[in-house]
Each structure stands twice: as C-alpha cells, then as structure tokens.
Amino acid sequence: MPINLISGPGIAPPEPSVPLLEHDTLAAMLTYRYYLRIAQRRFDQLDRLSRLVPKNSWQLARANAAYGSAAIKLDRQEILLARLVQRLGYVPRIDPDRFH
C-alpha cells in the first residue's frame, strides 16, 4: 500500500464487487491504523525526550506539540470510523493484499 506522508495511506478506488460504503470504511480503518502508528511514534519520542532534556526545552515543547497534533488526527479519524461502521452495520475484514 503506498503511503503519502502528508495524508496517510493511499487508497485505491473500490473494485466493482465491493460496496462503496464498505470500501470507505476499509479505507478509514487503514487510515486509522496509520495515524495510530504515527501517534505512538510521537508519544515514544516525547517520552524519551522528557527523560533526557530539561522541562523548559524547545525540543520537548516541539515533541509535545507533535504528539498533540497526532492525537487530534487520531481522534477525528476514530470518530469518522465509528460513524462509518455504524452506518455499514458491521466491521468489515481487512485483507491488505486484496483490498485494492
């Protein structure tokens, strides 16, 4: 799956056999996983820096802001995903090799 560093995983158009709402839900699931990995990396970096640098360090402030931004994206994606799953009525299975 191609990754766009700005917006997340690249999602191909749906196959004719996959309903559009299911495709959008699968895309939202993959995007959520991507944002989760980013947020975890930023949290880990913040944790490392908080043990190494003084509390008033600009590096710590930047790491904190980066984690906060990642957490907001993750939260928004989670809300979107929950709405899509509710509308779809089930949680679709992801087969990354056959999704596109």
N, C-alpha and C. Protein backbone atom coordinates (compact mmCIF):
# COMPACT_ATOMS: atom_id res chain seq x y z
N MET A 1 0.84 -1.17 0.00
CA MET A 1 0.00 0.00 0.00
C MET A 1 0.89 1.23 0.00
N PRO A 2 0.71 2.14 -0.97
CA PRO A 2 1.54 3.34 -0.98
C PRO A 2 1.16 4.26 0.18
N ILE A 3 2.16 4.92 0.75
CA ILE A 3 1.93 5.83 1.88
C ILE A 3 2.25 7.25 1.45
N ASN A 4 1.31 8.14 1.66
CA ASN A 4 1.53 9.55 1.46
C ASN A 4 1.87 10.14 2.82
N LEU A 5 3.05 10.70 2.99
CA LEU A 5 3.49 11.16 4.29
C LEU A 5 2.66 12.31 4.84
N ILE A 6 1.94 12.99 3.99
CA ILE A 6 1.12 14.10 4.46
C ILE A 6 -0.27 13.62 4.86
N SER A 7 -0.91 12.83 4.03
CA SER A 7 -2.30 12.47 4.30
C SER A 7 -2.51 11.04 4.75
N GLY A 8 -1.53 10.18 4.64
CA GLY A 8 -1.70 8.81 5.12
C GLY A 8 -1.65 7.81 3.99
N PRO A 9 -2.22 6.63 4.23
CA PRO A 9 -2.14 5.58 3.23
C PRO A 9 -2.90 5.94 1.96
N GLY A 10 -2.33 5.60 0.83
CA GLY A 10 -3.02 5.82 -0.44
C GLY A 10 -4.07 4.74 -0.62
N ILE A 11 -5.27 5.14 -0.94
CA ILE A 11 -6.38 4.20 -1.06
C ILE A 11 -6.85 4.19 -2.51
N ALA A 12 -6.86 3.02 -3.10
CA ALA A 12 -7.28 2.88 -4.49
C ALA A 12 -8.80 2.92 -4.58
N PRO A 13 -9.34 3.20 -5.76
CA PRO A 13 -10.79 3.17 -5.93
C PRO A 13 -11.34 1.77 -5.66
N PRO A 14 -12.62 1.68 -5.30
CA PRO A 14 -13.18 0.37 -4.98
C PRO A 14 -13.29 -0.53 -6.20
N GLU A 15 -13.21 -1.82 -5.95
CA GLU A 15 -13.47 -2.78 -7.01
C GLU A 15 -14.98 -2.83 -7.20
N PRO A 16 -15.45 -3.20 -8.40
CA PRO A 16 -16.89 -3.22 -8.64
C PRO A 16 -17.66 -4.15 -7.69
N SER A 17 -17.00 -5.18 -7.17
CA SER A 17 -17.69 -6.15 -6.31
C SER A 17 -17.80 -5.67 -4.86
N VAL A 18 -17.13 -4.57 -4.50
CA VAL A 18 -17.14 -4.08 -3.12
C VAL A 18 -18.04 -2.85 -3.04
N PRO A 19 -19.06 -2.87 -2.15
CA PRO A 19 -19.91 -1.69 -2.00
C PRO A 19 -19.08 -0.47 -1.58
N LEU A 20 -19.47 0.69 -2.06
CA LEU A 20 -18.72 1.92 -1.81
C LEU A 20 -18.60 2.21 -0.31
N LEU A 21 -19.67 2.03 0.44
CA LEU A 21 -19.62 2.30 1.88
C LEU A 21 -18.63 1.36 2.58
N GLU A 22 -18.60 0.10 2.16
CA GLU A 22 -17.63 -0.84 2.74
C GLU A 22 -16.21 -0.43 2.37
N HIS A 23 -16.00 -0.02 1.14
CA HIS A 23 -14.67 0.43 0.72
C HIS A 23 -14.23 1.64 1.54
N ASP A 24 -15.13 2.60 1.72
CA ASP A 24 -14.80 3.79 2.50
C ASP A 24 -14.49 3.42 3.96
N THR A 25 -15.21 2.45 4.49
CA THR A 25 -14.97 2.00 5.86
C THR A 25 -13.60 1.32 5.97
N LEU A 26 -13.27 0.49 5.01
CA LEU A 26 -11.95 -0.15 4.99
C LEU A 26 -10.85 0.90 4.88
N ALA A 27 -11.06 1.89 4.02
CA ALA A 27 -10.07 2.96 3.87
C ALA A 27 -9.91 3.72 5.19
N ALA A 28 -11.01 3.97 5.88
CA ALA A 28 -10.95 4.67 7.17
C ALA A 28 -10.22 3.82 8.21
N MET A 29 -10.41 2.51 8.16
CA MET A 29 -9.71 1.62 9.10
C MET A 29 -8.20 1.66 8.86
N LEU A 30 -7.81 1.60 7.61
CA LEU A 30 -6.38 1.64 7.29
C LEU A 30 -5.77 2.99 7.66
N THR A 31 -6.50 4.05 7.42
CA THR A 31 -6.02 5.39 7.78
C THR A 31 -5.90 5.51 9.29
N TYR A 32 -6.87 4.96 10.02
CA TYR A 32 -6.81 4.98 11.48
C TYR A 32 -5.56 4.25 11.98
N ARG A 33 -5.27 3.10 11.41
CA ARG A 33 -4.07 2.36 11.81
C ARG A 33 -2.80 3.16 11.53
N TYR A 34 -2.78 3.86 10.41
CA TYR A 34 -1.64 4.69 10.06
C TYR A 34 -1.47 5.80 11.09
N TYR A 35 -2.54 6.53 11.41
CA TYR A 35 -2.48 7.60 12.39
C TYR A 35 -2.10 7.08 13.77
N LEU A 36 -2.54 5.88 14.10
CA LEU A 36 -2.18 5.27 15.38
C LEU A 36 -0.68 5.03 15.47
N ARG A 37 -0.09 4.52 14.39
CA ARG A 37 1.36 4.30 14.37
C ARG A 37 2.12 5.61 14.53
N ILE A 38 1.67 6.65 13.83
CA ILE A 38 2.31 7.96 13.93
C ILE A 38 2.21 8.50 15.35
N ALA A 39 1.02 8.42 15.95
CA ALA A 39 0.83 8.93 17.31
C ALA A 39 1.71 8.15 18.30
N GLN A 40 1.82 6.85 18.11
CA GLN A 40 2.66 6.05 19.01
C GLN A 40 4.12 6.44 18.89
N ARG A 41 4.59 6.65 17.66
CA ARG A 41 5.99 7.08 17.47
C ARG A 41 6.24 8.44 18.13
N ARG A 42 5.31 9.34 17.96
CA ARG A 42 5.49 10.68 18.55
C ARG A 42 5.42 10.64 20.07
N PHE A 43 4.56 9.77 20.60
CA PHE A 43 4.50 9.61 22.06
C PHE A 43 5.81 9.03 22.58
N ASP A 44 6.33 8.02 21.90
CA ASP A 44 7.60 7.42 22.32
C ASP A 44 8.73 8.45 22.29
N GLN A 45 8.73 9.29 21.24
CA GLN A 45 9.76 10.34 21.16
C GLN A 45 9.60 11.34 22.31
N LEU A 46 8.38 11.72 22.60
CA LEU A 46 8.12 12.64 23.71
C LEU A 46 8.57 12.02 25.03
N ASP A 47 8.30 10.75 25.20
CA ASP A 47 8.71 10.05 26.43
C ASP A 47 10.23 10.03 26.58
N ARG A 48 10.93 9.71 25.48
CA ARG A 48 12.40 9.70 25.52
C ARG A 48 12.96 11.08 25.85
N LEU A 49 12.44 12.08 25.16
CA LEU A 49 12.94 13.44 25.39
C LEU A 49 12.64 13.93 26.80
N SER A 50 11.50 13.55 27.34
CA SER A 50 11.14 14.03 28.67
C SER A 50 12.10 13.50 29.74
N ARG A 51 12.76 12.38 29.44
CA ARG A 51 13.74 11.84 30.38
C ARG A 51 15.13 12.41 30.15
N LEU A 52 15.37 13.03 28.99
CA LEU A 52 16.72 13.46 28.65
C LEU A 52 16.96 14.97 28.72
N VAL A 53 15.93 15.75 28.48
CA VAL A 53 16.13 17.20 28.38
C VAL A 53 15.36 17.92 29.49
N PRO A 54 15.78 19.15 29.80
CA PRO A 54 15.07 19.93 30.83
C PRO A 54 13.63 20.20 30.42
N LYS A 55 12.78 20.40 31.40
CA LYS A 55 11.34 20.59 31.16
C LYS A 55 11.04 21.80 30.28
N ASN A 56 11.90 22.81 30.30
CA ASN A 56 11.63 24.01 29.50
C ASN A 56 12.32 23.98 28.13
N SER A 57 12.76 22.83 27.70
CA SER A 57 13.46 22.72 26.43
C SER A 57 12.51 22.93 25.24
N TRP A 58 13.01 23.60 24.22
CA TRP A 58 12.21 23.79 23.00
C TRP A 58 11.98 22.45 22.30
N GLN A 59 12.93 21.51 22.45
CA GLN A 59 12.76 20.18 21.83
C GLN A 59 11.57 19.46 22.45
N LEU A 60 11.46 19.56 23.76
CA LEU A 60 10.34 18.93 24.45
C LEU A 60 9.02 19.59 24.06
N ALA A 61 9.03 20.89 23.93
CA ALA A 61 7.82 21.61 23.52
C ALA A 61 7.39 21.20 22.11
N ARG A 62 8.36 21.07 21.21
CA ARG A 62 8.03 20.62 19.83
C ARG A 62 7.49 19.20 19.83
N ALA A 63 8.12 18.33 20.59
CA ALA A 63 7.67 16.93 20.65
C ALA A 63 6.27 16.85 21.24
N ASN A 64 5.99 17.68 22.24
CA ASN A 64 4.67 17.70 22.85
C ASN A 64 3.62 18.18 21.85
N ALA A 65 3.95 19.22 21.08
CA ALA A 65 3.03 19.74 20.06
C ALA A 65 2.80 18.72 18.95
N ALA A 66 3.85 18.02 18.56
CA ALA A 66 3.72 17.00 17.51
C ALA A 66 2.83 15.85 17.97
N TYR A 67 3.01 15.44 19.22
CA TYR A 67 2.15 14.37 19.74
C TYR A 67 0.70 14.86 19.84
N GLY A 68 0.51 16.09 20.31
CA GLY A 68 -0.85 16.62 20.41
C GLY A 68 -1.55 16.66 19.06
N SER A 69 -0.83 17.07 18.04
CA SER A 69 -1.38 17.11 16.69
C SER A 69 -1.75 15.71 16.20
N ALA A 70 -0.87 14.74 16.44
CA ALA A 70 -1.14 13.36 16.04
C ALA A 70 -2.34 12.80 16.78
N ALA A 71 -2.47 13.13 18.05
CA ALA A 71 -3.59 12.64 18.85
C ALA A 71 -4.92 13.21 18.36
N ILE A 72 -4.90 14.47 17.94
CA ILE A 72 -6.13 15.09 17.41
C ILE A 72 -6.54 14.41 16.10
N LYS A 73 -5.58 14.17 15.20
CA LYS A 73 -5.89 13.47 13.95
C LYS A 73 -6.45 12.09 14.22
N LEU A 74 -5.84 11.40 15.17
CA LEU A 74 -6.28 10.05 15.51
C LEU A 74 -7.71 10.08 16.06
N ASP A 75 -8.00 11.04 16.91
CA ASP A 75 -9.34 11.16 17.49
C ASP A 75 -10.38 11.44 16.42
N ARG A 76 -10.08 12.35 15.51
CA ARG A 76 -11.02 12.66 14.43
C ARG A 76 -11.26 11.45 13.53
N GLN A 77 -10.19 10.72 13.25
CA GLN A 77 -10.33 9.54 12.40
C GLN A 77 -11.16 8.47 13.11
N GLU A 78 -10.99 8.34 14.41
CA GLU A 78 -11.76 7.37 15.18
C GLU A 78 -13.26 7.69 15.15
N ILE A 79 -13.59 8.96 15.25
CA ILE A 79 -15.00 9.38 15.18
C ILE A 79 -15.57 9.06 13.80
N LEU A 80 -14.82 9.39 12.74
CA LEU A 80 -15.27 9.07 11.39
C LEU A 80 -15.46 7.58 11.21
N LEU A 81 -14.49 6.81 11.66
CA LEU A 81 -14.56 5.35 11.52
C LEU A 81 -15.77 4.78 12.27
N ALA A 82 -16.02 5.26 13.47
CA ALA A 82 -17.17 4.78 14.24
C ALA A 82 -18.48 5.06 13.50
N ARG A 83 -18.59 6.23 12.90
CA ARG A 83 -19.80 6.57 12.14
C ARG A 83 -19.96 5.68 10.91
N LEU A 84 -18.86 5.42 10.22
CA LEU A 84 -18.94 4.56 9.03
C LEU A 84 -19.33 3.13 9.40
N VAL A 85 -18.72 2.61 10.46
CA VAL A 85 -19.05 1.24 10.90
C VAL A 85 -20.51 1.17 11.33
N GLN A 86 -20.98 2.19 12.05
CA GLN A 86 -22.38 2.21 12.49
C GLN A 86 -23.31 2.23 11.27
N ARG A 87 -22.97 3.03 10.29
CA ARG A 87 -23.80 3.13 9.10
C ARG A 87 -23.76 1.84 8.28
N LEU A 88 -22.59 1.23 8.20
CA LEU A 88 -22.44 -0.02 7.45
C LEU A 88 -23.15 -1.16 8.15
N GLY A 89 -23.11 -1.16 9.48
CA GLY A 89 -23.80 -2.20 10.24
C GLY A 89 -22.93 -3.37 10.64
N TYR A 90 -21.69 -3.38 10.24
CA TYR A 90 -20.75 -4.43 10.62
C TYR A 90 -19.33 -3.92 10.41
N VAL A 91 -18.38 -4.62 11.03
CA VAL A 91 -16.97 -4.27 10.86
C VAL A 91 -16.40 -5.18 9.76
N PRO A 92 -16.05 -4.58 8.64
CA PRO A 92 -15.52 -5.41 7.55
C PRO A 92 -14.12 -5.93 7.86
N ARG A 93 -13.82 -7.08 7.31
CA ARG A 93 -12.48 -7.65 7.44
C ARG A 93 -11.54 -6.99 6.46
N ILE A 94 -10.34 -6.76 6.91
CA ILE A 94 -9.33 -6.16 6.03
C ILE A 94 -8.37 -7.25 5.58
N ASP A 95 -8.26 -7.38 4.28
CA ASP A 95 -7.22 -8.21 3.68
C ASP A 95 -6.34 -7.27 2.88
N PRO A 96 -5.24 -6.77 3.50
CA PRO A 96 -4.43 -5.74 2.84
C PRO A 96 -3.93 -6.14 1.45
N ASP A 97 -3.72 -7.43 1.22
CA ASP A 97 -3.23 -7.86 -0.08
C ASP A 97 -4.29 -7.77 -1.16
N ARG A 98 -5.55 -7.87 -0.76
CA ARG A 98 -6.63 -7.86 -1.75
C ARG A 98 -7.51 -6.62 -1.65
N PHE A 99 -7.19 -5.70 -0.76
CA PHE A 99 -8.07 -4.54 -0.56
C PHE A 99 -8.20 -3.70 -1.82
N HIS A 100 -7.10 -3.48 -2.52
CA HIS A 100 -7.15 -2.60 -3.69
C HIS A 100 -7.52 -3.40 -4.87
